[in-house]
Amino acid sequence: PNPVRDGQVNLSIGNLKDAEQHITVEVQDIYGKQVFAQEFGNSGERFNTNLQLSGHIDSGVYMVNITVNGVKTVQRLSIIR
C-alpha cells in the first residue's frame, strides 16, 4: 500500500523476460540520500517480496529505484509515521 504506515512495503514485479534476474531496490529521500538498499536474485516471470523499512525513516516522499538486470525504474513512495 502507498502510503506506507507500518514500514512494510509489498513489492511485486511482473513480466520479467530473463531466466535469471539480479534485482536491486534503493530508497532515497528527496535530497538523494539513500535510506534503504537491498539486492535480490530471482528466476521466473514474477518477483514478490516484502521490504521492511526501519523505523528511523521519517514521514515524507521517497523515490524507489528498482533495477532489474541493468534496467532502472523509479517509483514514488509516501511514508506516514
PDB file of N, CA and C in Angstrom:
ATOM      1  N   PRO A   1       0.829  -1.212   0.000  1.00  0.00           N
ATOM      2  CA  PRO A   1       0.000   0.000   0.000  1.00  0.00           C
ATOM      3  C   PRO A   1       0.859   1.257   0.000  1.00  0.00           C
ATOM      4  N   ASN A   2       0.377   2.258  -0.639  1.00  0.00           N
ATOM      5  CA  ASN A   2       1.060   3.541  -0.690  1.00  0.00           C
ATOM      6  C   ASN A   2       0.023   4.602  -0.342  1.00  0.00           C
ATOM      7  N   PRO A   3       0.091   5.319   0.736  1.00  0.00           N
ATOM      8  CA  PRO A   3       1.291   5.487   1.572  1.00  0.00           C
ATOM      9  C   PRO A   3       1.514   4.335   2.548  1.00  0.00           C
ATOM     10  N   VAL A   4       2.759   4.224   2.996  1.00  0.00           N
ATOM     11  CA  VAL A   4       3.174   3.198   3.942  1.00  0.00           C
ATOM     12  C   VAL A   4       3.025   3.746   5.352  1.00  0.00           C
ATOM     13  N   ARG A   5       2.434   2.970   6.231  1.00  0.00           N
ATOM     14  CA  ARG A   5       2.249   3.406   7.618  1.00  0.00           C
ATOM     15  C   ARG A   5       3.048   2.569   8.616  1.00  0.00           C
ATOM     16  N   ASP A   6       3.298   1.309   8.318  1.00  0.00           N
ATOM     17  CA  ASP A   6       3.943   0.425   9.287  1.00  0.00           C
ATOM     18  C   ASP A   6       5.356  -0.010   8.890  1.00  0.00           C
ATOM     19  N   GLY A   7       5.916   0.586   7.848  1.00  0.00           N
ATOM     20  CA  GLY A   7       7.270   0.263   7.418  1.00  0.00           C
ATOM     21  C   GLY A   7       7.370  -0.934   6.502  1.00  0.00           C
ATOM     22  N   GLN A   8       6.250  -1.581   6.183  1.00  0.00           N
ATOM     23  CA  GLN A   8       6.268  -2.738   5.298  1.00  0.00           C
ATOM     24  C   GLN A   8       5.782  -2.333   3.910  1.00  0.00           C
ATOM     25  N   VAL A   9       6.614  -2.605   2.909  1.00  0.00           N
ATOM     26  CA  VAL A   9       6.291  -2.273   1.526  1.00  0.00           C
ATOM     27  C   VAL A   9       6.244  -3.563   0.720  1.00  0.00           C
ATOM     28  N   ASN A  10       5.114  -3.837   0.108  1.00  0.00           N
ATOM     29  CA  ASN A  10       4.978  -5.006  -0.758  1.00  0.00           C
ATOM     30  C   ASN A  10       5.452  -4.624  -2.154  1.00  0.00           C
ATOM     31  N   LEU A  11       6.431  -5.356  -2.661  1.00  0.00           N
ATOM     32  CA  LEU A  11       6.987  -5.087  -3.980  1.00  0.00           C
ATOM     33  C   LEU A  11       6.696  -6.279  -4.875  1.00  0.00           C
ATOM     34  N   SER A  12       6.070  -6.011  -6.010  1.00  0.00           N
ATOM     35  CA  SER A  12       5.748  -7.055  -6.975  1.00  0.00           C
ATOM     36  C   SER A  12       6.151  -6.568  -8.361  1.00  0.00           C
ATOM     37  N   ILE A  13       6.949  -7.373  -9.050  1.00  0.00           N
ATOM     38  CA  ILE A  13       7.398  -7.050 -10.403  1.00  0.00           C
ATOM     39  C   ILE A  13       6.985  -8.208 -11.307  1.00  0.00           C
ATOM     40  N   GLY A  14       6.285  -7.895 -12.383  1.00  0.00           N
ATOM     41  CA  GLY A  14       5.834  -8.929 -13.307  1.00  0.00           C
ATOM     42  C   GLY A  14       6.437  -8.752 -14.682  1.00  0.00           C
ATOM     43  N   ASN A  15       6.134  -9.695 -15.565  1.00  0.00           N
ATOM     44  CA  ASN A  15       6.591  -9.684 -16.956  1.00  0.00           C
ATOM     45  C   ASN A  15       8.104  -9.647 -17.088  1.00  0.00           C
ATOM     46  N   LEU A  16       8.789 -10.374 -16.218  1.00  0.00           N
ATOM     47  CA  LEU A  16      10.247 -10.449 -16.296  1.00  0.00           C
ATOM     48  C   LEU A  16      10.629 -11.401 -17.420  1.00  0.00           C
ATOM     49  N   LYS A  17      11.526 -10.972 -18.291  1.00  0.00           N
ATOM     50  CA  LYS A  17      11.864 -11.721 -19.503  1.00  0.00           C
ATOM     51  C   LYS A  17      13.042 -12.674 -19.337  1.00  0.00           C
ATOM     52  N   ASP A  18      14.071 -12.254 -18.605  1.00  0.00           N
ATOM     53  CA  ASP A  18      15.268 -13.079 -18.467  1.00  0.00           C
ATOM     54  C   ASP A  18      15.004 -14.274 -17.549  1.00  0.00           C
ATOM     55  N   ALA A  19      15.724 -15.361 -17.791  1.00  0.00           N
ATOM     56  CA  ALA A  19      15.567 -16.552 -16.961  1.00  0.00           C
ATOM     57  C   ALA A  19      16.019 -16.291 -15.523  1.00  0.00           C
ATOM     58  N   GLU A  20      17.069 -15.510 -15.363  1.00  0.00           N
ATOM     59  CA  GLU A  20      17.596 -15.149 -14.041  1.00  0.00           C
ATOM     60  C   GLU A  20      17.661 -13.634 -13.952  1.00  0.00           C
ATOM     61  N   GLN A  21      17.281 -13.091 -12.815  1.00  0.00           N
ATOM     62  CA  GLN A  21      17.326 -11.646 -12.631  1.00  0.00           C
ATOM     63  C   GLN A  21      18.150 -11.282 -11.402  1.00  0.00           C
ATOM     64  N   HIS A  22      18.876 -10.178 -11.525  1.00  0.00           N
ATOM     65  CA  HIS A  22      19.545  -9.540 -10.400  1.00  0.00           C
ATOM     66  C   HIS A  22      18.765  -8.253 -10.147  1.00  0.00           C
ATOM     67  N   ILE A  23      18.150  -8.157  -8.979  1.00  0.00           N
ATOM     68  CA  ILE A  23      17.260  -7.044  -8.671  1.00  0.00           C
ATOM     69  C   ILE A  23      17.840  -6.240  -7.520  1.00  0.00           C
ATOM     70  N   THR A  24      17.945  -4.929  -7.715  1.00  0.00           N
ATOM     71  CA  THR A  24      18.406  -4.019  -6.682  1.00  0.00           C
ATOM     72  C   THR A  24      17.288  -3.033  -6.382  1.00  0.00           C
ATOM     73  N   VAL A  25      17.005  -2.840  -5.084  1.00  0.00           N
ATOM     74  CA  VAL A  25      15.991  -1.874  -4.652  1.00  0.00           C
ATOM     75  C   VAL A  25      16.677  -0.856  -3.751  1.00  0.00           C
ATOM     76  N   GLU A  26      16.574   0.417  -4.114  1.00  0.00           N
ATOM     77  CA  GLU A  26      17.141   1.508  -3.317  1.00  0.00           C
ATOM     78  C   GLU A  26      16.049   2.531  -3.059  1.00  0.00           C
ATOM     79  N   VAL A  27      15.995   3.012  -1.821  1.00  0.00           N
ATOM     80  CA  VAL A  27      15.039   4.062  -1.465  1.00  0.00           C
ATOM     81  C   VAL A  27      15.840   5.299  -1.086  1.00  0.00           C
ATOM     82  N   GLN A  28      15.492   6.432  -1.728  1.00  0.00           N
ATOM     83  CA  GLN A  28      16.192   7.691  -1.473  1.00  0.00           C
ATOM     84  C   GLN A  28      15.203   8.763  -1.051  1.00  0.00           C
ATOM     85  N   ASP A  29      15.671   9.656  -0.168  1.00  0.00           N
ATOM     86  CA  ASP A  29      14.824  10.789   0.207  1.00  0.00           C
ATOM     87  C   ASP A  29      14.868  11.837  -0.903  1.00  0.00           C
ATOM     88  N   ILE A  30      14.148  12.930  -0.727  1.00  0.00           N
ATOM     89  CA  ILE A  30      14.048  13.932  -1.798  1.00  0.00           C
ATOM     90  C   ILE A  30      15.373  14.646  -2.055  1.00  0.00           C
ATOM     91  N   TYR A  31      16.340  14.489  -1.151  1.00  0.00           N
ATOM     92  CA  TYR A  31      17.658  15.095  -1.327  1.00  0.00           C
ATOM     93  C   TYR A  31      18.643  14.132  -1.981  1.00  0.00           C
ATOM     94  N   GLY A  32      18.210  12.907  -2.281  1.00  0.00           N
ATOM     95  CA  GLY A  32      19.066  11.923  -2.910  1.00  0.00           C
ATOM     96  C   GLY A  32      19.843  11.050  -1.948  1.00  0.00           C
ATOM     97  N   LYS A  33      19.608  11.202  -0.653  1.00  0.00           N
ATOM     98  CA  LYS A  33      20.293  10.377   0.341  1.00  0.00           C
ATOM     99  C   LYS A  33      19.635   8.995   0.392  1.00  0.00           C
ATOM    100  N   GLN A  34      20.463   7.959   0.271  1.00  0.00           N
ATOM    101  CA  GLN A  34      19.951   6.591   0.321  1.00  0.00           C
ATOM    102  C   GLN A  34      19.583   6.217   1.754  1.00  0.00           C
ATOM    103  N   VAL A  35      18.356   5.752   1.964  1.00  0.00           N
ATOM    104  CA  VAL A  35      17.899   5.365   3.296  1.00  0.00           C
ATOM    105  C   VAL A  35      17.646   3.862   3.411  1.00  0.00           C
ATOM    106  N   PHE A  36      17.660   3.167   2.270  1.00  0.00           N
ATOM    107  CA  PHE A  36      17.432   1.718   2.261  1.00  0.00           C
ATOM    108  C   PHE A  36      18.007   1.156   0.964  1.00  0.00           C
ATOM    109  N   ALA A  37      18.611  -0.023   1.040  1.00  0.00           N
ATOM    110  CA  ALA A  37      19.096  -0.719  -0.156  1.00  0.00           C
ATOM    111  C   ALA A  37      19.110  -2.211   0.119  1.00  0.00           C
ATOM    112  N   GLN A  38      18.701  -2.984  -0.882  1.00  0.00           N
ATOM    113  CA  GLN A  38      18.725  -4.435  -0.756  1.00  0.00           C
ATOM    114  C   GLN A  38      18.815  -5.039  -2.149  1.00  0.00           C
ATOM    115  N   GLU A  39      19.528  -6.172  -2.248  1.00  0.00           N
ATOM    116  CA  GLU A  39      19.673  -6.877  -3.517  1.00  0.00           C
ATOM    117  C   GLU A  39      18.993  -8.235  -3.418  1.00  0.00           C
ATOM    118  N   PHE A  40      18.458  -8.681  -4.554  1.00  0.00           N
ATOM    119  CA  PHE A  40      17.750  -9.946  -4.618  1.00  0.00           C
ATOM    120  C   PHE A  40      18.145 -10.687  -5.881  1.00  0.00           C
ATOM    121  N   GLY A  41      18.001 -11.983  -5.850  1.00  0.00           N
ATOM    122  CA  GLY A  41      18.109 -12.817  -7.036  1.00  0.00           C
ATOM    123  C   GLY A  41      16.748 -13.439  -7.282  1.00  0.00           C
ATOM    124  N   ASN A  42      16.414 -13.676  -8.532  1.00  0.00           N
ATOM    125  CA  ASN A  42      15.104 -14.226  -8.858  1.00  0.00           C
ATOM    126  C   ASN A  42      15.191 -14.989 -10.164  1.00  0.00           C
ATOM    127  N   SER A  43      14.356 -15.988 -10.293  1.00  0.00           N
ATOM    128  CA  SER A  43      14.177 -16.673 -11.567  1.00  0.00           C
ATOM    129  C   SER A  43      12.677 -16.794 -11.801  1.00  0.00           C
ATOM    130  N   GLY A  44      12.276 -16.679 -13.031  1.00  0.00           N
ATOM    131  CA  GLY A  44      10.856 -16.741 -13.357  1.00  0.00           C
ATOM    132  C   GLY A  44      10.340 -15.409 -13.856  1.00  0.00           C
ATOM    133  N   GLU A  45       9.054 -15.371 -14.139  1.00  0.00           N
ATOM    134  CA  GLU A  45       8.433 -14.193 -14.740  1.00  0.00           C
ATOM    135  C   GLU A  45       7.913 -13.188 -13.728  1.00  0.00           C
ATOM    136  N   ARG A  46       7.898 -13.530 -12.433  1.00  0.00           N
ATOM    137  CA  ARG A  46       7.355 -12.637 -11.410  1.00  0.00           C
ATOM    138  C   ARG A  46       8.265 -12.654 -10.185  1.00  0.00           C
ATOM    139  N   PHE A  47       8.383 -11.478  -9.549  1.00  0.00           N
ATOM    140  CA  PHE A  47       9.153 -11.332  -8.314  1.00  0.00           C
ATOM    141  C   PHE A  47       8.269 -10.643  -7.279  1.00  0.00           C
ATOM    142  N   ASN A  48       8.187 -11.220  -6.087  1.00  0.00           N
ATOM    143  CA  ASN A  48       7.421 -10.647  -4.980  1.00  0.00           C
ATOM    144  C   ASN A  48       8.271 -10.663  -3.725  1.00  0.00           C
ATOM    145  N   THR A  49       8.228  -9.569  -2.974  1.00  0.00           N
ATOM    146  CA  THR A  49       8.909  -9.525  -1.680  1.00  0.00           C
ATOM    147  C   THR A  49       8.251  -8.473  -0.809  1.00  0.00           C
ATOM    148  N   ASN A  50       8.549  -8.528   0.478  1.00  0.00           N
ATOM    149  CA  ASN A  50       8.058  -7.549   1.448  1.00  0.00           C
ATOM    150  C   ASN A  50       9.272  -6.826   2.020  1.00  0.00           C
ATOM    151  N   LEU A  51       9.423  -5.545   1.703  1.00  0.00           N
ATOM    152  CA  LEU A  51      10.537  -4.749   2.208  1.00  0.00           C
ATOM    153  C   LEU A  51      10.202  -4.262   3.611  1.00  0.00           C
ATOM    154  N   GLN A  52      11.151  -4.389   4.520  1.00  0.00           N
ATOM    155  CA  GLN A  52      10.991  -3.927   5.892  1.00  0.00           C
ATOM    156  C   GLN A  52      11.788  -2.639   6.074  1.00  0.00           C
ATOM    157  N   LEU A  53      11.127  -1.504   5.940  1.00  0.00           N
ATOM    158  CA  LEU A  53      11.799  -0.221   6.133  1.00  0.00           C
ATOM    159  C   LEU A  53      11.892   0.059   7.624  1.00  0.00           C
ATOM    160  N   SER A  54      13.057   0.471   8.073  1.00  0.00           N
ATOM    161  CA  SER A  54      13.284   0.670   9.505  1.00  0.00           C
ATOM    162  C   SER A  54      12.510   1.868  10.034  1.00  0.00           C
ATOM    163  N   GLY A  55      12.364   1.903  11.332  1.00  0.00           N
ATOM    164  CA  GLY A  55      11.618   2.969  11.997  1.00  0.00           C
ATOM    165  C   GLY A  55      12.302   4.317  11.971  1.00  0.00           C
ATOM    166  N   HIS A  56      13.592   4.378  11.590  1.00  0.00           N
ATOM    167  CA  HIS A  56      14.295   5.669  11.567  1.00  0.00           C
ATOM    168  C   HIS A  56      13.994   6.475  10.300  1.00  0.00           C
ATOM    169  N   ILE A  57      13.249   5.908   9.371  1.00  0.00           N
ATOM    170  CA  ILE A  57      12.882   6.642   8.163  1.00  0.00           C
ATOM    171  C   ILE A  57      11.684   7.531   8.488  1.00  0.00           C
ATOM    172  N   ASP A  58      11.879   8.840   8.326  1.00  0.00           N
ATOM    173  CA  ASP A  58      10.846   9.815   8.676  1.00  0.00           C
ATOM    174  C   ASP A  58       9.703   9.824   7.674  1.00  0.00           C
ATOM    175  N   SER A  59       8.605  10.436   8.073  1.00  0.00           N
ATOM    176  CA  SER A  59       7.491  10.658   7.159  1.00  0.00           C
ATOM    177  C   SER A  59       7.962  11.520   6.006  1.00  0.00           C
ATOM    178  N   GLY A  60       7.421  11.258   4.822  1.00  0.00           N
ATOM    179  CA  GLY A  60       7.768  12.061   3.661  1.00  0.00           C
ATOM    180  C   GLY A  60       7.621  11.296   2.376  1.00  0.00           C
ATOM    181  N   VAL A  61       8.078  11.906   1.306  1.00  0.00           N
ATOM    182  CA  VAL A  61       8.030  11.305  -0.020  1.00  0.00           C
ATOM    183  C   VAL A  61       9.428  10.810  -0.372  1.00  0.00           C
ATOM    184  N   TYR A  62       9.503   9.600  -0.876  1.00  0.00           N
ATOM    185  CA  TYR A  62      10.769   8.961  -1.215  1.00  0.00           C
ATOM    186  C   TYR A  62      10.698   8.434  -2.641  1.00  0.00           C
ATOM    187  N   MET A  63      11.863   8.252  -3.249  1.00  0.00           N
ATOM    188  CA  MET A  63      11.960   7.660  -4.573  1.00  0.00           C
ATOM    189  C   MET A  63      12.498   6.247  -4.414  1.00  0.00           C
ATOM    190  N   VAL A  64      11.820   5.290  -5.037  1.00  0.00           N
ATOM    191  CA  VAL A  64      12.243   3.887  -5.007  1.00  0.00           C
ATOM    192  C   VAL A  64      12.837   3.559  -6.372  1.00  0.00           C
ATOM    193  N   ASN A  65      14.130   3.283  -6.383  1.00  0.00           N
ATOM    194  CA  ASN A  65      14.841   2.929  -7.613  1.00  0.00           C
ATOM    195  C   ASN A  65      14.928   1.405  -7.677  1.00  0.00           C
ATOM    196  N   ILE A  66      14.314   0.826  -8.701  1.00  0.00           N
ATOM    197  CA  ILE A  66      14.308  -0.623  -8.881  1.00  0.00           C
ATOM    198  C   ILE A  66      15.086  -0.922 -10.149  1.00  0.00           C
ATOM    199  N   THR A  67      16.144  -1.716 -10.025  1.00  0.00           N
ATOM    200  CA  THR A  67      16.963  -2.087 -11.168  1.00  0.00           C
ATOM    201  C   THR A  67      16.898  -3.592 -11.357  1.00  0.00           C
ATOM    202  N   VAL A  68      16.480  -4.016 -12.553  1.00  0.00           N
ATOM    203  CA  VAL A  68      16.410  -5.435 -12.896  1.00  0.00           C
ATOM    204  C   VAL A  68      17.335  -5.669 -14.077  1.00  0.00           C
ATOM    205  N   ASN A  69      18.425  -6.390 -13.831  1.00  0.00           N
ATOM    206  CA  ASN A  69      19.412  -6.691 -14.878  1.00  0.00           C
ATOM    207  C   ASN A  69      19.824  -5.443 -15.652  1.00  0.00           C
ATOM    208  N   GLY A  70      20.076  -4.359 -14.921  1.00  0.00           N
ATOM    209  CA  GLY A  70      20.573  -3.129 -15.525  1.00  0.00           C
ATOM    210  C   GLY A  70      19.511  -2.170 -16.018  1.00  0.00           C
ATOM    211  N   VAL A  71      18.242  -2.565 -16.001  1.00  0.00           N
ATOM    212  CA  VAL A  71      17.155  -1.695 -16.443  1.00  0.00           C
ATOM    213  C   VAL A  71      16.510  -1.063 -15.215  1.00  0.00           C
ATOM    214  N   LYS A  72      16.545   0.282 -15.152  1.00  0.00           N
ATOM    215  CA  LYS A  72      16.116   1.010 -13.952  1.00  0.00           C
ATOM    216  C   LYS A  72      14.707   1.585 -14.112  1.00  0.00           C
ATOM    217  N   THR A  73      13.931   1.470 -13.044  1.00  0.00           N
ATOM    218  CA  THR A  73      12.595   2.058 -12.946  1.00  0.00           C
ATOM    219  C   THR A  73      12.536   2.836 -11.645  1.00  0.00           C
ATOM    220  N   VAL A  74      11.867   3.977 -11.658  1.00  0.00           N
ATOM    221  CA  VAL A  74      11.732   4.798 -10.456  1.00  0.00           C
ATOM    222  C   VAL A  74      10.247   4.948 -10.131  1.00  0.00           C
ATOM    223  N   GLN A  75       9.916   4.720  -8.862  1.00  0.00           N
ATOM    224  CA  GLN A  75       8.548   4.894  -8.368  1.00  0.00           C
ATOM    225  C   GLN A  75       8.582   5.816  -7.154  1.00  0.00           C
ATOM    226  N   ARG A  76       7.484   6.485  -6.903  1.00  0.00           N
ATOM    227  CA  ARG A  76       7.364   7.366  -5.747  1.00  0.00           C
ATOM    228  C   ARG A  76       6.694   6.610  -4.605  1.00  0.00           C
ATOM    229  N   LEU A  77       7.149   6.864  -3.375  1.00  0.00           N
ATOM    230  CA  LEU A  77       6.608   6.196  -2.199  1.00  0.00           C
ATOM    231  C   LEU A  77       6.394   7.231  -1.104  1.00  0.00           C
ATOM    232  N   SER A  78       5.224   7.243  -0.496  1.00  0.00           N
ATOM    233  CA  SER A  78       4.932   8.145   0.627  1.00  0.00           C
ATOM    234  C   SER A  78       4.935   7.328   1.912  1.00  0.00           C
ATOM    235  N   ILE A  79       5.600   7.861   2.938  1.00  0.00           N
ATOM    236  CA  ILE A  79       5.656   7.208   4.243  1.00  0.00           C
ATOM    237  C   ILE A  79       5.014   8.129   5.262  1.00  0.00           C
ATOM    238  N   ILE A  80       4.091   7.572   6.041  1.00  0.00           N
ATOM    239  CA  ILE A  80       3.408   8.315   7.111  1.00  0.00           C
ATOM    240  C   ILE A  80       3.712   7.613   8.418  1.00  0.00           C
ATOM    241  N   ARG A  81       4.244   8.354   9.372  1.00  0.00           N
ATOM    242  CA  ARG A  81       4.557   7.785  10.701  1.00  0.00           C
ATOM    243  C   ARG A  81       3.588   8.320  11.733  1.00  0.00           C
TER     244      ARG A  81
END
